[in-house]
Amino acid sequence: MRFEYEIGATPLDPDEIEGLIPKHITTHSQLNEWEAANILDADNWLFSTSNHGDFLVIDFVRLLHRKMFNSTWKWAGVFRSTAKNIGVDPQQITTALKNLLEDIRYQIINNIYSIDEIAYRFHHRLVWIHPFPNGNGRHARMITDFLLTQAGQPRFTWGKNNLLKEGPTRKKYIDALNV
């Protein structure tokens, strides 16, 4: 399979590509469709009940990624072991993620910022940490939406457009992540 990455996408290394589960996929478009169906299943699982326990823990972050990509990638839910074009050093992922989750918990408990501000900051730092080989933006958006709903707020619209395809909404999203 030949991958064609959009601007701002994180390229996979050959070992990560070998982790593709469905062998019939030959184009990036087919991969996007397959992943979208997998992500929809995870979305239904996540938002069908609010009884997921404490979601501001590393195990839940990994579980959600696994649910989002478990029929697509063998490494779903596994932290990356290679450097990427974004993200902390792979050996710092657990520490950076633990710090983020503790910071967010503190901000919520102590009303440090509005819930929208907490959600923006959570999403931005989670993408910056970039814990997984791929799917970090989609994962960060979904868990951020879950954080919002747990606080009794609606999910973000994320621009109401497809953020996977090149276009003005994706460009604004990527630009916002780079500040």
C-alpha atoms as a PDB file:
ATOM      1  CA  MET A   1       0.000   0.000   0.000  1.00  0.00           C
ATOM      2  CA  ARG A   2       1.230   3.475  -0.844  1.00  0.00           C
ATOM      3  CA  PHE A   3       0.389   6.227   1.621  1.00  0.00           C
ATOM      4  CA  GLU A   4      -0.276   9.788   0.497  1.00  0.00           C
ATOM      5  CA  TYR A   5      -0.176  12.047   3.535  1.00  0.00           C
ATOM      6  CA  GLU A   6      -2.064  15.298   3.869  1.00  0.00           C
ATOM      7  CA  ILE A   7      -0.137  18.315   5.124  1.00  0.00           C
ATOM      8  CA  GLY A   8       0.283  17.992   8.882  1.00  0.00           C
ATOM      9  CA  ALA A   9      -0.285  14.225   8.928  1.00  0.00           C
ATOM     10  CA  THR A  10       2.138  11.984  10.779  1.00  0.00           C
ATOM     11  CA  PRO A  11       3.861   9.525   8.429  1.00  0.00           C
ATOM     12  CA  LEU A  12       4.022   5.897   9.515  1.00  0.00           C
ATOM     13  CA  ASP A  13       7.268   3.972   9.407  1.00  0.00           C
ATOM     14  CA  PRO A  14       7.452   0.617   7.556  1.00  0.00           C
ATOM     15  CA  ASP A  15       7.055  -1.445  10.739  1.00  0.00           C
ATOM     16  CA  GLU A  16       3.911   0.484  11.661  1.00  0.00           C
ATOM     17  CA  ILE A  17       2.497   0.012   8.159  1.00  0.00           C
ATOM     18  CA  GLU A  18       3.046  -3.744   8.568  1.00  0.00           C
ATOM     19  CA  GLY A  19       0.537  -3.543  11.429  1.00  0.00           C
ATOM     20  CA  LEU A  20      -2.357  -2.938   9.038  1.00  0.00           C
ATOM     21  CA  ILE A  21      -4.950  -5.642   9.754  1.00  0.00           C
ATOM     22  CA  PRO A  22      -7.234  -5.554   6.674  1.00  0.00           C
ATOM     23  CA  LYS A  23      -5.078  -6.827   3.831  1.00  0.00           C
ATOM     24  CA  HIS A  24      -7.575  -5.868   1.103  1.00  0.00           C
ATOM     25  CA  ILE A  25      -6.870  -2.142   1.554  1.00  0.00           C
ATOM     26  CA  THR A  26      -4.668  -0.750  -1.215  1.00  0.00           C
ATOM     27  CA  THR A  27      -5.369   3.012  -1.190  1.00  0.00           C
ATOM     28  CA  HIS A  28      -5.314   5.732   1.418  1.00  0.00           C
ATOM     29  CA  SER A  29      -8.945   6.482   0.605  1.00  0.00           C
ATOM     30  CA  GLN A  30      -9.924   2.895   1.450  1.00  0.00           C
ATOM     31  CA  LEU A  31      -7.916   3.132   4.673  1.00  0.00           C
ATOM     32  CA  ASN A  32      -9.703   6.349   5.652  1.00  0.00           C
ATOM     33  CA  GLU A  33     -13.091   4.719   5.055  1.00  0.00           C
ATOM     34  CA  TRP A  34     -12.118   1.626   7.047  1.00  0.00           C
ATOM     35  CA  GLU A  35     -10.791   3.699   9.922  1.00  0.00           C
ATOM     36  CA  ALA A  36     -13.913   5.886   9.882  1.00  0.00           C
ATOM     37  CA  ALA A  37     -16.129   2.818  10.381  1.00  0.00           C
ATOM     38  CA  ASN A  38     -13.874   1.615  13.205  1.00  0.00           C
ATOM     39  CA  ILE A  39     -13.985   5.089  14.808  1.00  0.00           C
ATOM     40  CA  LEU A  40     -17.783   5.225  14.524  1.00  0.00           C
ATOM     41  CA  ASP A  41     -17.984   1.971  16.504  1.00  0.00           C
ATOM     42  CA  ALA A  42     -15.758   3.500  19.175  1.00  0.00           C
ATOM     43  CA  ASP A  43     -17.837   6.674  19.209  1.00  0.00           C
ATOM     44  CA  ASN A  44     -20.988   4.619  19.748  1.00  0.00           C
ATOM     45  CA  TRP A  45     -19.288   2.686  22.565  1.00  0.00           C
ATOM     46  CA  LEU A  46     -17.974   5.833  24.244  1.00  0.00           C
ATOM     47  CA  PHE A  47     -21.096   7.960  24.070  1.00  0.00           C
ATOM     48  CA  SER A  48     -23.717   5.219  24.540  1.00  0.00           C
ATOM     49  CA  THR A  49     -23.083   5.303  28.277  1.00  0.00           C
ATOM     50  CA  SER A  50     -21.344   7.719  30.576  1.00  0.00           C
ATOM     51  CA  ASN A  51     -20.318   4.935  32.958  1.00  0.00           C
ATOM     52  CA  HIS A  52     -16.723   4.435  31.849  1.00  0.00           C
ATOM     53  CA  GLY A  53     -15.228   5.207  35.238  1.00  0.00           C
ATOM     54  CA  ASP A  54     -12.264   7.531  35.539  1.00  0.00           C
ATOM     55  CA  PHE A  55     -11.312   8.546  32.017  1.00  0.00           C
ATOM     56  CA  LEU A  56      -8.465  10.853  33.033  1.00  0.00           C
ATOM     57  CA  VAL A  57      -6.075   7.929  33.414  1.00  0.00           C
ATOM     58  CA  ILE A  58      -3.516   6.452  31.029  1.00  0.00           C
ATOM     59  CA  ASP A  59      -5.325   3.112  30.786  1.00  0.00           C
ATOM     60  CA  PHE A  60      -8.473   4.825  29.501  1.00  0.00           C
ATOM     61  CA  VAL A  61      -6.512   6.918  26.978  1.00  0.00           C
ATOM     62  CA  ARG A  62      -5.022   3.701  25.599  1.00  0.00           C
ATOM     63  CA  LEU A  63      -8.353   1.847  25.711  1.00  0.00           C
ATOM     64  CA  LEU A  64     -10.089   4.539  23.690  1.00  0.00           C
ATOM     65  CA  HIS A  65      -7.372   4.490  21.015  1.00  0.00           C
ATOM     66  CA  ARG A  66      -7.626   0.686  20.888  1.00  0.00           C
ATOM     67  CA  LYS A  67     -11.420   0.876  20.469  1.00  0.00           C
ATOM     68  CA  MET A  68     -10.995   3.465  17.698  1.00  0.00           C
ATOM     69  CA  PHE A  69      -8.470   1.456  15.657  1.00  0.00           C
ATOM     70  CA  ASN A  70      -8.651  -2.194  16.812  1.00  0.00           C
ATOM     71  CA  SER A  71      -9.906  -3.535  13.485  1.00  0.00           C
ATOM     72  CA  THR A  72      -7.423  -1.425  11.540  1.00  0.00           C
ATOM     73  CA  TRP A  73      -4.042  -1.556  13.288  1.00  0.00           C
ATOM     74  CA  LYS A  74      -2.349  -4.272  15.355  1.00  0.00           C
ATOM     75  CA  TRP A  75      -0.715  -1.518  17.414  1.00  0.00           C
ATOM     76  CA  ALA A  76      -4.006   0.182  18.344  1.00  0.00           C
ATOM     77  CA  GLY A  77      -3.744   1.451  21.902  1.00  0.00           C
ATOM     78  CA  VAL A  78       0.041   0.981  22.037  1.00  0.00           C
ATOM     79  CA  PHE A  79       2.232   4.024  22.565  1.00  0.00           C
ATOM     80  CA  ARG A  80       4.598   4.794  19.721  1.00  0.00           C
ATOM     81  CA  SER A  81       8.228   3.757  20.015  1.00  0.00           C
ATOM     82  CA  THR A  82       9.616   5.947  17.235  1.00  0.00           C
ATOM     83  CA  ALA A  83      10.155   9.682  16.829  1.00  0.00           C
ATOM     84  CA  LYS A  84       7.700  11.517  14.590  1.00  0.00           C
ATOM     85  CA  ASN A  85       7.379  14.940  13.002  1.00  0.00           C
ATOM     86  CA  ILE A  86       5.517  15.973  16.176  1.00  0.00           C
ATOM     87  CA  GLY A  87       5.408  14.806  19.750  1.00  0.00           C
ATOM     88  CA  VAL A  88       7.548  14.203  22.782  1.00  0.00           C
ATOM     89  CA  ASP A  89      10.368  11.690  22.767  1.00  0.00           C
ATOM     90  CA  PRO A  90       8.765   8.216  22.849  1.00  0.00           C
ATOM     91  CA  GLN A  91      10.375   7.497  26.227  1.00  0.00           C
ATOM     92  CA  GLN A  92       8.642  10.571  27.690  1.00  0.00           C
ATOM     93  CA  ILE A  93       5.108   9.726  26.539  1.00  0.00           C
ATOM     94  CA  THR A  94       3.942   8.115  29.779  1.00  0.00           C
ATOM     95  CA  THR A  95       5.292  10.932  31.964  1.00  0.00           C
ATOM     96  CA  ALA A  96       3.954  13.705  29.714  1.00  0.00           C
ATOM     97  CA  LEU A  97       0.549  12.032  29.506  1.00  0.00           C
ATOM     98  CA  LYS A  98       0.375  11.461  33.268  1.00  0.00           C
ATOM     99  CA  ASN A  99       1.207  15.135  33.850  1.00  0.00           C
ATOM    100  CA  LEU A 100      -1.439  16.240  31.358  1.00  0.00           C
ATOM    101  CA  LEU A 101      -4.155  14.091  32.934  1.00  0.00           C
ATOM    102  CA  GLU A 102      -3.263  15.301  36.448  1.00  0.00           C
ATOM    103  CA  ASP A 103      -3.244  18.932  35.267  1.00  0.00           C
ATOM    104  CA  ILE A 104      -6.660  18.565  33.626  1.00  0.00           C
ATOM    105  CA  ARG A 105      -8.122  16.877  36.700  1.00  0.00           C
ATOM    106  CA  TYR A 106      -6.780  19.741  38.864  1.00  0.00           C
ATOM    107  CA  GLN A 107      -8.145  22.392  36.478  1.00  0.00           C
ATOM    108  CA  ILE A 108     -11.599  20.793  36.507  1.00  0.00           C
ATOM    109  CA  ILE A 109     -11.770  20.293  40.276  1.00  0.00           C
ATOM    110  CA  ASN A 110     -10.551  23.815  41.009  1.00  0.00           C
ATOM    111  CA  ASN A 111     -12.415  25.621  38.187  1.00  0.00           C
ATOM    112  CA  ILE A 112      -9.145  27.113  36.943  1.00  0.00           C
ATOM    113  CA  TYR A 113     -10.579  27.836  33.487  1.00  0.00           C
ATOM    114  CA  SER A 114     -13.948  27.506  31.797  1.00  0.00           C
ATOM    115  CA  ILE A 115     -14.678  23.967  30.619  1.00  0.00           C
ATOM    116  CA  ASP A 116     -14.202  25.076  27.004  1.00  0.00           C
ATOM    117  CA  GLU A 117     -10.743  26.453  27.845  1.00  0.00           C
ATOM    118  CA  ILE A 118      -9.851  23.249  29.686  1.00  0.00           C
ATOM    119  CA  ALA A 119     -11.000  21.241  26.662  1.00  0.00           C
ATOM    120  CA  TYR A 120      -8.927  23.375  24.243  1.00  0.00           C
ATOM    121  CA  ARG A 121      -5.845  23.001  26.412  1.00  0.00           C
ATOM    122  CA  PHE A 122      -6.406  19.252  26.877  1.00  0.00           C
ATOM    123  CA  HIS A 123      -6.768  18.639  23.153  1.00  0.00           C
ATOM    124  CA  HIS A 124      -3.758  20.765  22.242  1.00  0.00           C
ATOM    125  CA  ARG A 125      -1.411  19.099  24.741  1.00  0.00           C
ATOM    126  CA  LEU A 126      -2.627  15.605  23.922  1.00  0.00           C
ATOM    127  CA  VAL A 127      -1.933  16.136  20.218  1.00  0.00           C
ATOM    128  CA  TRP A 128       1.434  17.702  21.079  1.00  0.00           C
ATOM    129  CA  ILE A 129       2.392  14.639  23.183  1.00  0.00           C
ATOM    130  CA  HIS A 130       1.350  12.485  20.217  1.00  0.00           C
ATOM    131  CA  PRO A 131       1.278   9.178  22.115  1.00  0.00           C
ATOM    132  CA  PHE A 132       0.344   6.863  19.238  1.00  0.00           C
ATOM    133  CA  PRO A 133       1.844   6.115  15.818  1.00  0.00           C
ATOM    134  CA  ASN A 134      -1.277   7.485  14.108  1.00  0.00           C
ATOM    135  CA  GLY A 135      -4.790   8.681  14.820  1.00  0.00           C
ATOM    136  CA  ASN A 136      -3.733  11.176  17.474  1.00  0.00           C
ATOM    137  CA  GLY A 137      -5.857  14.078  16.236  1.00  0.00           C
ATOM    138  CA  ARG A 138      -8.983  11.960  15.907  1.00  0.00           C
ATOM    139  CA  HIS A 139      -8.321  10.366  19.287  1.00  0.00           C
ATOM    140  CA  ALA A 140      -7.726  13.757  20.942  1.00  0.00           C
ATOM    141  CA  ARG A 141     -10.945  15.167  19.461  1.00  0.00           C
ATOM    142  CA  MET A 142     -13.002  12.212  20.665  1.00  0.00           C
ATOM    143  CA  ILE A 143     -11.650  12.142  24.220  1.00  0.00           C
ATOM    144  CA  THR A 144     -11.977  15.943  24.401  1.00  0.00           C
ATOM    145  CA  ASP A 145     -15.604  15.629  23.372  1.00  0.00           C
ATOM    146  CA  PHE A 146     -16.069  13.016  26.085  1.00  0.00           C
ATOM    147  CA  LEU A 147     -14.522  15.368  28.648  1.00  0.00           C
ATOM    148  CA  LEU A 148     -17.022  18.025  27.600  1.00  0.00           C
ATOM    149  CA  THR A 149     -20.034  15.714  27.813  1.00  0.00           C
ATOM    150  CA  GLN A 150     -18.921  14.506  31.241  1.00  0.00           C
ATOM    151  CA  ALA A 151     -19.032  18.166  32.313  1.00  0.00           C
ATOM    152  CA  GLY A 152     -22.579  18.478  30.923  1.00  0.00           C
ATOM    153  CA  GLN A 153     -21.494  20.408  27.837  1.00  0.00           C
ATOM    154  CA  PRO A 154     -22.100  19.670  24.153  1.00  0.00           C
ATOM    155  CA  ARG A 155     -19.383  18.208  21.970  1.00  0.00           C
ATOM    156  CA  PHE A 156     -17.289  20.642  19.944  1.00  0.00           C
ATOM    157  CA  THR A 157     -18.162  20.994  16.262  1.00  0.00           C
ATOM    158  CA  TRP A 158     -14.470  20.937  15.208  1.00  0.00           C
ATOM    159  CA  GLY A 159     -15.417  23.170  12.279  1.00  0.00           C
ATOM    160  CA  LYS A 160     -18.185  20.823  11.047  1.00  0.00           C
ATOM    161  CA  ASN A 161     -15.942  19.622   8.234  1.00  0.00           C
ATOM    162  CA  ASN A 162     -13.777  16.615   7.461  1.00  0.00           C
ATOM    163  CA  LEU A 163     -10.412  17.274   9.073  1.00  0.00           C
ATOM    164  CA  LEU A 164      -8.721  14.398   7.237  1.00  0.00           C
ATOM    165  CA  LYS A 165      -8.897  16.000   3.796  1.00  0.00           C
ATOM    166  CA  GLU A 166      -6.858  18.980   2.710  1.00  0.00           C
ATOM    167  CA  GLY A 167      -8.872  22.174   2.824  1.00  0.00           C
ATOM    168  CA  PRO A 168      -9.349  25.433   4.706  1.00  0.00           C
ATOM    169  CA  THR A 169     -10.800  23.832   7.849  1.00  0.00           C
ATOM    170  CA  ARG A 170      -7.942  21.333   8.150  1.00  0.00           C
ATOM    171  CA  LYS A 171      -5.431  24.134   7.552  1.00  0.00           C
ATOM    172  CA  LYS A 172      -6.977  26.230  10.355  1.00  0.00           C
ATOM    173  CA  TYR A 173      -6.965  23.185  12.641  1.00  0.00           C
ATOM    174  CA  ILE A 174      -3.292  22.366  11.932  1.00  0.00           C
ATOM    175  CA  ASP A 175      -2.317  26.035  12.249  1.00  0.00           C
ATOM    176  CA  ALA A 176      -4.057  26.252  15.638  1.00  0.00           C
ATOM    177  CA  LEU A 177      -2.165  23.182  16.834  1.00  0.00           C
ATOM    178  CA  ASN A 178       1.135  24.797  15.898  1.00  0.00           C
ATOM    179  CA  VAL A 179       0.815  27.743  18.297  1.00  0.00           C
END
